[in-house]
PDB file of N, CA and C in Angstrom:
ATOM      1  N   UNK A   1     125.355  39.643 141.736  1.00  0.00           N
ATOM      2  CA  UNK A   1     125.295  40.247 140.443  1.00  0.00           C
ATOM      3  C   UNK A   1     123.877  40.523 139.951  1.00  0.00           C
ATOM      4  N   UNK A   2     122.848  40.208 140.724  1.00  0.00           N
ATOM      5  CA  UNK A   2     121.494  40.511 140.227  1.00  0.00           C
ATOM      6  C   UNK A   2     121.309  41.992 139.927  1.00  0.00           C
ATOM      7  N   UNK A   3     121.928  42.869 140.713  1.00  0.00           N
ATOM      8  CA  UNK A   3     121.755  44.299 140.473  1.00  0.00           C
ATOM      9  C   UNK A   3     122.415  44.725 139.164  1.00  0.00           C
ATOM     10  N   UNK A   4     123.578  44.163 138.824  1.00  0.00           N
ATOM     11  CA  UNK A   4     124.218  44.483 137.559  1.00  0.00           C
ATOM     12  C   UNK A   4     123.375  43.971 136.397  1.00  0.00           C
ATOM     13  N   UNK A   5     122.868  42.751 136.511  1.00  0.00           N
ATOM     14  CA  UNK A   5     122.019  42.197 135.458  1.00  0.00           C
ATOM     15  C   UNK A   5     120.772  43.052 135.263  1.00  0.00           C
ATOM     16  N   UNK A   6     120.176  43.492 136.353  1.00  0.00           N
ATOM     17  CA  UNK A   6     118.980  44.335 136.264  1.00  0.00           C
ATOM     18  C   UNK A   6     119.319  45.683 135.628  1.00  0.00           C
ATOM     19  N   UNK A   7     120.459  46.257 136.007  1.00  0.00           N
ATOM     20  CA  UNK A   7     120.869  47.541 135.447  1.00  0.00           C
ATOM     21  C   UNK A   7     121.117  47.418 133.942  1.00  0.00           C
ATOM     22  N   UNK A   8     121.837  46.384 133.541  1.00  0.00           N
ATOM     23  CA  UNK A   8     122.134  46.209 132.122  1.00  0.00           C
ATOM     24  C   UNK A   8     120.874  45.914 131.317  1.00  0.00           C
ATOM     25  N   UNK A   9     119.931  45.215 131.920  1.00  0.00           N
ATOM     26  CA  UNK A   9     118.664  44.953 131.227  1.00  0.00           C
ATOM     27  C   UNK A   9     117.863  46.239 131.058  1.00  0.00           C
ATOM     28  N   UNK A  10     117.925  47.103 132.057  1.00  0.00           N
ATOM     29  CA  UNK A  10     117.167  48.362 132.009  1.00  0.00           C
ATOM     30  C   UNK A  10     117.845  49.407 131.125  1.00  0.00           C
ATOM     31  N   UNK A  11     119.147  49.300 130.943  1.00  0.00           N
ATOM     32  CA  UNK A  11     119.921  50.261 130.151  1.00  0.00           C
ATOM     33  C   UNK A  11     120.764  49.501 129.121  1.00  0.00           C
ATOM     34  N   UNK A  12     120.149  48.980 128.059  1.00  0.00           N
ATOM     35  CA  UNK A  12     120.883  48.139 127.121  1.00  0.00           C
ATOM     36  C   UNK A  12     122.089  48.815 126.469  1.00  0.00           C
ATOM     37  N   UNK A  13     122.060  50.102 126.267  1.00  0.00           N
ATOM     38  CA  UNK A  13     123.181  50.796 125.643  1.00  0.00           C
ATOM     39  C   UNK A  13     124.317  51.075 126.604  1.00  0.00           C
ATOM     40  N   UNK A  14     124.104  50.870 127.890  1.00  0.00           N
ATOM     41  CA  UNK A  14     125.124  51.195 128.890  1.00  0.00           C
ATOM     42  C   UNK A  14     126.226  50.149 128.967  1.00  0.00           C
ATOM     43  N   UNK A  15     125.996  48.979 128.433  1.00  0.00           N
ATOM     44  CA  UNK A  15     126.977  47.907 128.538  1.00  0.00           C
ATOM     45  C   UNK A  15     128.304  48.289 127.903  1.00  0.00           C
ATOM     46  N   UNK A  16     128.267  48.842 126.700  1.00  0.00           N
ATOM     47  CA  UNK A  16     129.511  49.190 126.003  1.00  0.00           C
ATOM     48  C   UNK A  16     130.335  50.214 126.767  1.00  0.00           C
ATOM     49  N   UNK A  17     129.676  51.224 127.314  1.00  0.00           N
ATOM     50  CA  UNK A  17     130.390  52.237 128.084  1.00  0.00           C
ATOM     51  C   UNK A  17     130.987  51.664 129.346  1.00  0.00           C
ATOM     52  N   UNK A  18     130.221  50.821 130.029  1.00  0.00           N
ATOM     53  CA  UNK A  18     130.706  50.208 131.267  1.00  0.00           C
ATOM     54  C   UNK A  18     131.898  49.303 130.963  1.00  0.00           C
ATOM     55  N   UNK A  19     131.798  48.515 129.894  1.00  0.00           N
ATOM     56  CA  UNK A  19     132.878  47.607 129.505  1.00  0.00           C
ATOM     57  C   UNK A  19     134.138  48.412 129.159  1.00  0.00           C
ATOM     58  N   UNK A  20     133.981  49.513 128.439  1.00  0.00           N
ATOM     59  CA  UNK A  20     135.140  50.329 128.056  1.00  0.00           C
ATOM     60  C   UNK A  20     135.862  50.861 129.289  1.00  0.00           C
ATOM     61  N   UNK A  21     135.117  51.372 130.249  1.00  0.00           N
ATOM     62  CA  UNK A  21     135.729  51.909 131.474  1.00  0.00           C
ATOM     63  C   UNK A  21     136.379  50.787 132.285  1.00  0.00           C
ATOM     64  N   UNK A  22     135.664  49.674 132.453  1.00  0.00           N
ATOM     65  CA  UNK A  22     136.200  48.549 133.228  1.00  0.00           C
ATOM     66  C   UNK A  22     137.469  48.002 132.574  1.00  0.00           C
ATOM     67  N   UNK A  23     137.451  47.856 131.256  1.00  0.00           N
ATOM     68  CA  UNK A  23     138.622  47.317 130.553  1.00  0.00           C
ATOM     69  C   UNK A  23     139.809  48.261 130.653  1.00  0.00           C
ATOM     70  N   UNK A  24     139.554  49.564 130.584  1.00  0.00           N
ATOM     71  CA  UNK A  24     140.662  50.530 130.689  1.00  0.00           C
ATOM     72  C   UNK A  24     141.327  50.427 132.056  1.00  0.00           C
ATOM     73  N   UNK A  25     140.517  50.370 133.110  1.00  0.00           N
ATOM     74  CA  UNK A  25     141.091  50.265 134.456  1.00  0.00           C
ATOM     75  C   UNK A  25     141.794  48.923 134.658  1.00  0.00           C
ATOM     76  N   UNK A  26     141.206  47.864 134.148  1.00  0.00           N
ATOM     77  CA  UNK A  26     141.824  46.553 134.289  1.00  0.00           C
ATOM     78  C   UNK A  26     143.122  46.476 133.492  1.00  0.00           C
ATOM     79  N   UNK A  27     143.157  47.114 132.332  1.00  0.00           N
ATOM     80  CA  UNK A  27     144.375  47.125 131.521  1.00  0.00           C
ATOM     81  C   UNK A  27     145.509  47.844 132.256  1.00  0.00           C
ATOM     82  N   UNK A  28     145.192  48.912 132.962  1.00  0.00           N
ATOM     83  CA  UNK A  28     146.209  49.606 133.759  1.00  0.00           C
ATOM     84  C   UNK A  28     146.766  48.687 134.840  1.00  0.00           C
ATOM     85  N   UNK A  29     145.900  47.893 135.457  1.00  0.00           N
ATOM     86  CA  UNK A  29     146.360  46.938 136.471  1.00  0.00           C
ATOM     87  C   UNK A  29     147.226  45.850 135.838  1.00  0.00           C
ATOM     88  N   UNK A  30     146.840  45.390 134.653  1.00  0.00           N
ATOM     89  CA  UNK A  30     147.632  44.388 133.935  1.00  0.00           C
ATOM     90  C   UNK A  30     149.032  44.935 133.653  1.00  0.00           C
ATOM     91  N   UNK A  31     149.115  46.173 133.200  1.00  0.00           N
ATOM     92  CA  UNK A  31     150.421  46.779 132.926  1.00  0.00           C
ATOM     93  C   UNK A  31     151.264  46.874 134.196  1.00  0.00           C
ATOM     94  N   UNK A  32     150.641  47.274 135.296  1.00  0.00           N
ATOM     95  CA  UNK A  32     151.375  47.412 136.554  1.00  0.00           C
ATOM     96  C   UNK A  32     151.890  46.055 137.042  1.00  0.00           C
ATOM     97  N   UNK A  33     151.050  45.053 137.000  1.00  0.00           N
ATOM     98  CA  UNK A  33     151.454  43.712 137.443  1.00  0.00           C
ATOM     99  C   UNK A  33     152.554  43.172 136.541  1.00  0.00           C
ATOM    100  N   UNK A  34     152.405  43.378 135.257  1.00  0.00           N
ATOM    101  CA  UNK A  34     153.365  42.840 134.288  1.00  0.00           C
ATOM    102  C   UNK A  34     154.749  43.444 134.458  1.00  0.00           C
ATOM    103  N   UNK A  35     154.814  44.667 134.917  1.00  0.00           N
ATOM    104  CA  UNK A  35     156.107  45.299 135.146  1.00  0.00           C
ATOM    105  C   UNK A  35     156.878  44.674 136.283  1.00  0.00           C
ATOM    106  N   UNK A  36     156.185  43.996 137.194  1.00  0.00           N
ATOM    107  CA  UNK A  36     156.842  43.392 138.348  1.00  0.00           C
ATOM    108  C   UNK A  36     157.110  41.901 138.182  1.00  0.00           C
ATOM    109  N   UNK A  37     156.123  41.163 137.663  1.00  0.00           N
ATOM    110  CA  UNK A  37     156.297  39.709 137.656  1.00  0.00           C
ATOM    111  C   UNK A  37     156.327  39.088 136.262  1.00  0.00           C
ATOM    112  N   UNK A  38     156.056  39.828 135.216  1.00  0.00           N
ATOM    113  CA  UNK A  38     156.137  39.371 133.822  1.00  0.00           C
ATOM    114  C   UNK A  38     155.465  38.023 133.580  1.00  0.00           C
ATOM    115  N   UNK A  39     154.169  37.907 133.836  1.00  0.00           N
ATOM    116  CA  UNK A  39     153.497  36.630 133.593  1.00  0.00           C
ATOM    117  C   UNK A  39     153.308  36.374 132.099  1.00  0.00           C
ATOM    118  N   UNK A  40     153.156  35.117 131.728  1.00  0.00           N
ATOM    119  CA  UNK A  40     152.892  34.778 130.339  1.00  0.00           C
ATOM    120  C   UNK A  40     151.469  35.120 129.946  1.00  0.00           C
ATOM    121  N   UNK A  41     150.566  35.068 130.923  1.00  0.00           N
ATOM    122  CA  UNK A  41     149.159  35.420 130.716  1.00  0.00           C
ATOM    123  C   UNK A  41     148.569  35.772 132.073  1.00  0.00           C
ATOM    124  N   UNK A  42     147.515  36.541 132.054  1.00  0.00           N
ATOM    125  CA  UNK A  42     146.796  36.862 133.273  1.00  0.00           C
ATOM    126  C   UNK A  42     145.402  36.279 133.128  1.00  0.00           C
ATOM    127  N   UNK A  43     145.013  35.485 134.118  1.00  0.00           N
ATOM    128  CA  UNK A  43     143.705  34.848 134.113  1.00  0.00           C
ATOM    129  C   UNK A  43     142.797  35.601 135.066  1.00  0.00           C
ATOM    130  N   UNK A  44     141.609  35.927 134.598  1.00  0.00           N
ATOM    131  CA  UNK A  44     140.664  36.640 135.452  1.00  0.00           C
ATOM    132  C   UNK A  44     139.369  35.853 135.523  1.00  0.00           C
ATOM    133  N   UNK A  45     138.651  36.071 136.582  1.00  0.00           N
ATOM    134  CA  UNK A  45     137.381  35.387 136.773  1.00  0.00           C
ATOM    135  C   UNK A  45     136.469  36.246 137.608  1.00  0.00           C
ATOM    136  N   UNK A  46     135.295  35.765 137.818  1.00  0.00           N
ATOM    137  CA  UNK A  46     134.348  36.504 138.628  1.00  0.00           C
ATOM    138  C   UNK A  46     132.925  36.118 138.292  1.00  0.00           C
ATOM    139  N   UNK A  47     132.000  36.892 138.826  1.00  0.00           N
ATOM    140  CA  UNK A  47     130.585  36.570 138.698  1.00  0.00           C
ATOM    141  C   UNK A  47     129.861  37.452 137.684  1.00  0.00           C
ATOM    142  N   UNK A  48     130.587  38.086 136.782  1.00  0.00           N
ATOM    143  CA  UNK A  48     129.942  38.905 135.772  1.00  0.00           C
ATOM    144  C   UNK A  48     129.161  38.024 134.798  1.00  0.00           C
ATOM    145  N   UNK A  49     128.128  38.562 134.182  1.00  0.00           N
ATOM    146  CA  UNK A  49     127.442  37.802 133.135  1.00  0.00           C
ATOM    147  C   UNK A  49     128.427  37.443 132.020  1.00  0.00           C
ATOM    148  N   UNK A  50     128.230  36.285 131.416  1.00  0.00           N
ATOM    149  CA  UNK A  50     129.172  35.798 130.401  1.00  0.00           C
ATOM    150  C   UNK A  50     129.402  36.785 129.266  1.00  0.00           C
ATOM    151  N   UNK A  51     128.340  37.406 128.771  1.00  0.00           N
ATOM    152  CA  UNK A  51     128.514  38.332 127.643  1.00  0.00           C
ATOM    153  C   UNK A  51     129.335  39.552 128.034  1.00  0.00           C
ATOM    154  N   UNK A  52     129.152  40.035 129.254  1.00  0.00           N
ATOM    155  CA  UNK A  52     129.930  41.180 129.736  1.00  0.00           C
ATOM    156  C   UNK A  52     131.384  40.775 129.926  1.00  0.00           C
ATOM    157  N   UNK A  53     131.591  39.604 130.490  1.00  0.00           N
ATOM    158  CA  UNK A  53     132.940  39.102 130.716  1.00  0.00           C
ATOM    159  C   UNK A  53     133.694  38.955 129.393  1.00  0.00           C
ATOM    160  N   UNK A  54     133.048  38.360 128.413  1.00  0.00           N
ATOM    161  CA  UNK A  54     133.674  38.183 127.105  1.00  0.00           C
ATOM    162  C   UNK A  54     133.954  39.527 126.437  1.00  0.00           C
ATOM    163  N   UNK A  55     133.059  40.497 126.619  1.00  0.00           N
ATOM    164  CA  UNK A  55     133.274  41.835 126.044  1.00  0.00           C
ATOM    165  C   UNK A  55     134.478  42.513 126.687  1.00  0.00           C
ATOM    166  N   UNK A  56     134.655  42.344 127.987  1.00  0.00           N
ATOM    167  CA  UNK A  56     135.808  42.940 128.672  1.00  0.00           C
ATOM    168  C   UNK A  56     137.102  42.312 128.159  1.00  0.00           C
ATOM    169  N   UNK A  57     137.128  40.997 128.032  1.00  0.00           N
ATOM    170  CA  UNK A  57     138.338  40.333 127.547  1.00  0.00           C
ATOM    171  C   UNK A  57     138.646  40.743 126.110  1.00  0.00           C
ATOM    172  N   UNK A  58     137.618  40.860 125.279  1.00  0.00           N
ATOM    173  CA  UNK A  58     137.830  41.307 123.891  1.00  0.00           C
ATOM    174  C   UNK A  58     138.381  42.728 123.863  1.00  0.00           C
ATOM    175  N   UNK A  59     137.847  43.587 124.719  1.00  0.00           N
ATOM    176  CA  UNK A  59     138.321  44.974 124.774  1.00  0.00           C
ATOM    177  C   UNK A  59     139.770  45.033 125.264  1.00  0.00           C
ATOM    178  N   UNK A  60     140.105  44.206 126.257  1.00  0.00           N
ATOM    179  CA  UNK A  60     141.482  44.148 126.744  1.00  0.00           C
ATOM    180  C   UNK A  60     142.434  43.679 125.647  1.00  0.00           C
ATOM    181  N   UNK A  61     141.997  42.731 124.850  1.00  0.00           N
ATOM    182  CA  UNK A  61     142.834  42.262 123.734  1.00  0.00           C
ATOM    183  C   UNK A  61     143.082  43.374 122.731  1.00  0.00           C
ATOM    184  N   UNK A  62     142.039  44.167 122.434  1.00  0.00           N
ATOM    185  CA  UNK A  62     142.218  45.293 121.511  1.00  0.00           C
ATOM    186  C   UNK A  62     143.163  46.332 122.091  1.00  0.00           C
ATOM    187  N   UNK A  63     143.015  46.626 123.388  1.00  0.00           N
ATOM    188  CA  UNK A  63     143.907  47.610 124.018  1.00  0.00           C
ATOM    189  C   UNK A  63     145.358  47.104 123.995  1.00  0.00           C
ATOM    190  N   UNK A  64     145.546  45.814 124.241  1.00  0.00           N
ATOM    191  CA  UNK A  64     146.895  45.233 124.202  1.00  0.00           C
ATOM    192  C   UNK A  64     147.467  45.336 122.792  1.00  0.00           C
ATOM    193  N   UNK A  65     146.669  44.982 121.799  1.00  0.00           N
ATOM    194  CA  UNK A  65     147.135  45.058 120.411  1.00  0.00           C
ATOM    195  C   UNK A  65     147.475  46.489 120.017  1.00  0.00           C
ATOM    196  N   UNK A  66     146.668  47.450 120.458  1.00  0.00           N
ATOM    197  CA  UNK A  66     146.950  48.859 120.165  1.00  0.00           C
ATOM    198  C   UNK A  66     148.268  49.291 120.782  1.00  0.00           C
ATOM    199  N   UNK A  67     148.516  48.869 122.022  1.00  0.00           N
ATOM    200  CA  UNK A  67     149.773  49.230 122.693  1.00  0.00           C
ATOM    201  C   UNK A  67     150.963  48.596 121.970  1.00  0.00           C
ATOM    202  N   UNK A  68     150.809  47.335 121.587  1.00  0.00           N
ATOM    203  CA  UNK A  68     151.906  46.648 120.905  1.00  0.00           C
ATOM    204  C   UNK A  68     152.205  47.325 119.576  1.00  0.00           C
ATOM    205  N   UNK A  69     151.165  47.757 118.884  1.00  0.00           N
ATOM    206  CA  UNK A  69     151.354  48.408 117.585  1.00  0.00           C
ATOM    207  C   UNK A  69     152.003  49.784 117.747  1.00  0.00           C
ATOM    208  N   UNK A  70     151.674  50.492 118.834  1.00  0.00           N
ATOM    209  CA  UNK A  70     152.143  51.860 119.017  1.00  0.00           C
ATOM    210  C   UNK A  70     153.472  51.990 119.759  1.00  0.00           C
ATOM    211  N   UNK A  71     153.802  51.019 120.593  1.00  0.00           N
ATOM    212  CA  UNK A  71     155.007  51.122 121.417  1.00  0.00           C
ATOM    213  C   UNK A  71     155.993  50.014 121.092  1.00  0.00           C
ATOM    214  N   UNK A  72     157.235  50.349 121.056  1.00  0.00           N
ATOM    215  CA  UNK A  72     158.278  49.362 120.783  1.00  0.00           C
ATOM    216  C   UNK A  72     158.421  48.401 121.953  1.00  0.00           C
ATOM    217  N   UNK A  73     158.234  48.892 123.175  1.00  0.00           N
ATOM    218  CA  UNK A  73     158.483  48.076 124.359  1.00  0.00           C
ATOM    219  C   UNK A  73     157.281  47.237 124.777  1.00  0.00           C
ATOM    220  N   UNK A  74     156.172  47.291 124.079  1.00  0.00           N
ATOM    221  CA  UNK A  74     154.931  46.680 124.535  1.00  0.00           C
ATOM    222  C   UNK A  74     154.756  45.181 124.315  1.00  0.00           C
ATOM    223  N   UNK A  75     155.557  44.475 123.528  1.00  0.00           N
ATOM    224  CA  UNK A  75     155.296  43.039 123.350  1.00  0.00           C
ATOM    225  C   UNK A  75     155.319  42.227 124.641  1.00  0.00           C
ATOM    226  N   UNK A  76     155.862  42.739 125.700  1.00  0.00           N
ATOM    227  CA  UNK A  76     155.885  42.018 126.966  1.00  0.00           C
ATOM    228  C   UNK A  76     154.528  42.047 127.669  1.00  0.00           C
ATOM    229  N   UNK A  77     153.572  42.811 127.178  1.00  0.00           N
ATOM    230  CA  UNK A  77     152.252  42.869 127.817  1.00  0.00           C
ATOM    231  C   UNK A  77     151.576  41.516 127.626  1.00  0.00           C
ATOM    232  N   UNK A  78     151.207  40.844 128.720  1.00  0.00           N
ATOM    233  CA  UNK A  78     150.618  39.506 128.587  1.00  0.00           C
ATOM    234  C   UNK A  78     149.175  39.564 128.092  1.00  0.00           C
ATOM    235  N   UNK A  79     148.721  38.450 127.545  1.00  0.00           N
ATOM    236  CA  UNK A  79     147.320  38.368 127.165  1.00  0.00           C
ATOM    237  C   UNK A  79     146.481  38.140 128.420  1.00  0.00           C
ATOM    238  N   UNK A  80     145.240  38.527 128.355  1.00  0.00           N
ATOM    239  CA  UNK A  80     144.308  38.326 129.460  1.00  0.00           C
ATOM    240  C   UNK A  80     143.288  37.302 128.988  1.00  0.00           C
ATOM    241  N   UNK A  81     143.107  36.264 129.785  1.00  0.00           N
ATOM    242  CA  UNK A  81     142.176  35.190 129.441  1.00  0.00           C
ATOM    243  C   UNK A  81     141.237  34.913 130.594  1.00  0.00           C
ATOM    244  N   UNK A  82     140.156  34.292 130.272  1.00  0.00           N
ATOM    245  CA  UNK A  82     139.198  33.904 131.302  1.00  0.00           C
ATOM    246  C   UNK A  82     139.724  32.677 132.034  1.00  0.00           C
ATOM    247  N   UNK A  83     139.625  32.703 133.339  1.00  0.00           N
ATOM    248  CA  UNK A  83     140.067  31.570 134.148  1.00  0.00           C
ATOM    249  C   UNK A  83     139.173  30.356 133.894  1.00  0.00           C
ATOM    250  N   UNK A  84     139.736  29.175 134.068  1.00  0.00           N
ATOM    251  CA  UNK A  84     138.966  27.946 133.859  1.00  0.00           C
ATOM    252  C   UNK A  84     137.797  27.838 134.831  1.00  0.00           C
ATOM    253  N   UNK A  85     138.025  28.265 136.041  1.00  0.00           N
ATOM    254  CA  UNK A  85     136.986  28.243 137.074  1.00  0.00           C
ATOM    255  C   UNK A  85     136.781  29.668 137.571  1.00  0.00           C
ATOM    256  N   UNK A  86     136.160  30.536 136.766  1.00  0.00           N
ATOM    257  CA  UNK A  86     136.093  31.957 137.114  1.00  0.00           C
ATOM    258  C   UNK A  86     135.379  32.241 138.429  1.00  0.00           C
ATOM    259  N   UNK A  87     134.506  31.370 138.837  1.00  0.00           N
ATOM    260  CA  UNK A  87     133.737  31.576 140.052  1.00  0.00           C
ATOM    261  C   UNK A  87     134.475  31.061 141.280  1.00  0.00           C
ATOM    262  N   UNK A  88     135.585  30.351 141.084  1.00  0.00           N
ATOM    263  CA  UNK A  88     136.276  29.740 142.219  1.00  0.00           C
ATOM    264  C   UNK A  88     137.732  30.169 142.315  1.00  0.00           C
ATOM    265  N   UNK A  89     138.092  31.289 141.694  1.00  0.00           N
ATOM    266  CA  UNK A  89     139.486  31.709 141.666  1.00  0.00           C
ATOM    267  C   UNK A  89     140.102  31.904 143.038  1.00  0.00           C
ATOM    268  N   UNK A  90     139.378  32.513 143.942  1.00  0.00           N
ATOM    269  CA  UNK A  90     139.917  32.756 145.284  1.00  0.00           C
ATOM    270  C   UNK A  90     140.135  31.434 146.010  1.00  0.00           C
ATOM    271  N   UNK A  91     139.185  30.526 145.889  1.00  0.00           N
ATOM    272  CA  UNK A  91     139.315  29.234 146.564  1.00  0.00           C
ATOM    273  C   UNK A  91     140.484  28.437 145.994  1.00  0.00           C
ATOM    274  N   UNK A  92     140.648  28.447 144.680  1.00  0.00           N
ATOM    275  CA  UNK A  92     141.758  27.726 144.061  1.00  0.00           C
ATOM    276  C   UNK A  92     143.090  28.351 144.483  1.00  0.00           C
ATOM    277  N   UNK A  93     143.158  29.683 144.488  1.00  0.00           N
ATOM    278  CA  UNK A  93     144.381  30.358 144.920  1.00  0.00           C
ATOM    279  C   UNK A  93     144.727  30.039 146.364  1.00  0.00           C
ATOM    280  N   UNK A  94     143.723  30.029 147.225  1.00  0.00           N
ATOM    281  CA  UNK A  94     143.952  29.704 148.633  1.00  0.00           C
ATOM    282  C   UNK A  94     144.400  28.247 148.784  1.00  0.00           C
ATOM    283  N   UNK A  95     143.835  27.369 147.986  1.00  0.00           N
ATOM    284  CA  UNK A  95     144.212  25.957 148.061  1.00  0.00           C
ATOM    285  C   UNK A  95     145.650  25.734 147.597  1.00  0.00           C
ATOM    286  N   UNK A  96     146.133  26.567 146.684  1.00  0.00           N
ATOM    287  CA  UNK A  96     147.500  26.422 146.181  1.00  0.00           C
ATOM    288  C   UNK A  96     148.546  27.053 147.096  1.00  0.00           C
ATOM    289  N   UNK A  97     148.115  27.839 148.047  1.00  0.00           N
ATOM    290  CA  UNK A  97     149.053  28.556 148.931  1.00  0.00           C
ATOM    291  C   UNK A  97     150.025  27.631 149.649  1.00  0.00           C
ATOM    292  N   UNK A  98     149.583  26.511 150.226  1.00  0.00           N
ATOM    293  CA  UNK A  98     150.558  25.618 150.894  1.00  0.00           C
ATOM    294  C   UNK A  98     151.611  25.072 149.931  1.00  0.00           C
ATOM    295  N   UNK A  99     151.221  24.794 148.689  1.00  0.00           N
ATOM    296  CA  UNK A  99     152.191  24.324 147.705  1.00  0.00           C
ATOM    297  C   UNK A  99     153.222  25.406 147.412  1.00  0.00           C
ATOM    298  N   UNK A 100     152.764  26.633 147.322  1.00  0.00           N
ATOM    299  CA  UNK A 100     153.665  27.751 147.073  1.00  0.00           C
ATOM    300  C   UNK A 100     154.687  27.881 148.195  1.00  0.00           C
ATOM    301  N   UNK A 101     154.229  27.760 149.427  1.00  0.00           N
ATOM    302  CA  UNK A 101     155.142  27.849 150.578  1.00  0.00           C
ATOM    303  C   UNK A 101     156.152  26.710 150.573  1.00  0.00           C
ATOM    304  N   UNK A 102     155.724  25.532 150.159  1.00  0.00           N
ATOM    305  CA  UNK A 102     156.608  24.369 150.154  1.00  0.00           C
ATOM    306  C   UNK A 102     157.602  24.431 149.001  1.00  0.00           C
ATOM    307  N   UNK A 103     157.107  24.764 147.814  1.00  0.00           N
ATOM    308  CA  UNK A 103     157.960  24.732 146.630  1.00  0.00           C
ATOM    309  C   UNK A 103     158.796  25.992 146.453  1.00  0.00           C
ATOM    310  N   UNK A 104     158.299  27.116 146.953  1.00  0.00           N
ATOM    311  CA  UNK A 104     159.010  28.392 146.814  1.00  0.00           C
ATOM    312  C   UNK A 104     159.150  29.062 148.176  1.00  0.00           C
ATOM    313  N   UNK A 105     159.939  28.459 149.064  1.00  0.00           N
ATOM    314  CA  UNK A 105     160.072  29.031 150.410  1.00  0.00           C
ATOM    315  C   UNK A 105     160.713  30.416 150.389  1.00  0.00           C
ATOM    316  N   UNK A 106     160.332  31.225 151.339  1.00  0.00           N
ATOM    317  CA  UNK A 106     160.877  32.565 151.475  1.00  0.00           C
ATOM    318  C   UNK A 106     162.131  32.483 152.342  1.00  0.00           C
ATOM    319  N   UNK A 107     163.285  32.760 151.764  1.00  0.00           N
ATOM    320  CA  UNK A 107     164.566  32.656 152.480  1.00  0.00           C
ATOM    321  C   UNK A 107     164.975  33.941 153.178  1.00  0.00           C
ATOM    322  N   UNK A 108     164.143  34.960 153.089  1.00  0.00           N
ATOM    323  CA  UNK A 108     164.518  36.234 153.723  1.00  0.00           C
ATOM    324  C   UNK A 108     164.487  36.113 155.238  1.00  0.00           C
ATOM    325  N   UNK A 109     165.395  36.831 155.901  1.00  0.00           N
ATOM    326  CA  UNK A 109     165.426  36.762 157.371  1.00  0.00           C
ATOM    327  C   UNK A 109     164.229  37.430 158.000  1.00  0.00           C
TER     328      UNK A 109
END
């Protein structure tokens, strides 16, 4: 992330535009995922700077609220929150995989 930090430092006004585009694309992914598995919340993580990460989550919350206000069917859209261990999400997910196989076996032939 050093290149993103350097870019944002060199272009202070670019953060809002970048966050708006990133949040819009992420919101589309949230809608797509929610249509299939209906989670109560979606947790995201990563190596973004904290202020950028918080801005994306705030923007996603506004987009969710706008959809809920405008559409009758939108209350099922889950909230998006920051993961407890945003830097270790892949490792935690991989570590939980054996439990998933044990507790939720695939019965398909």
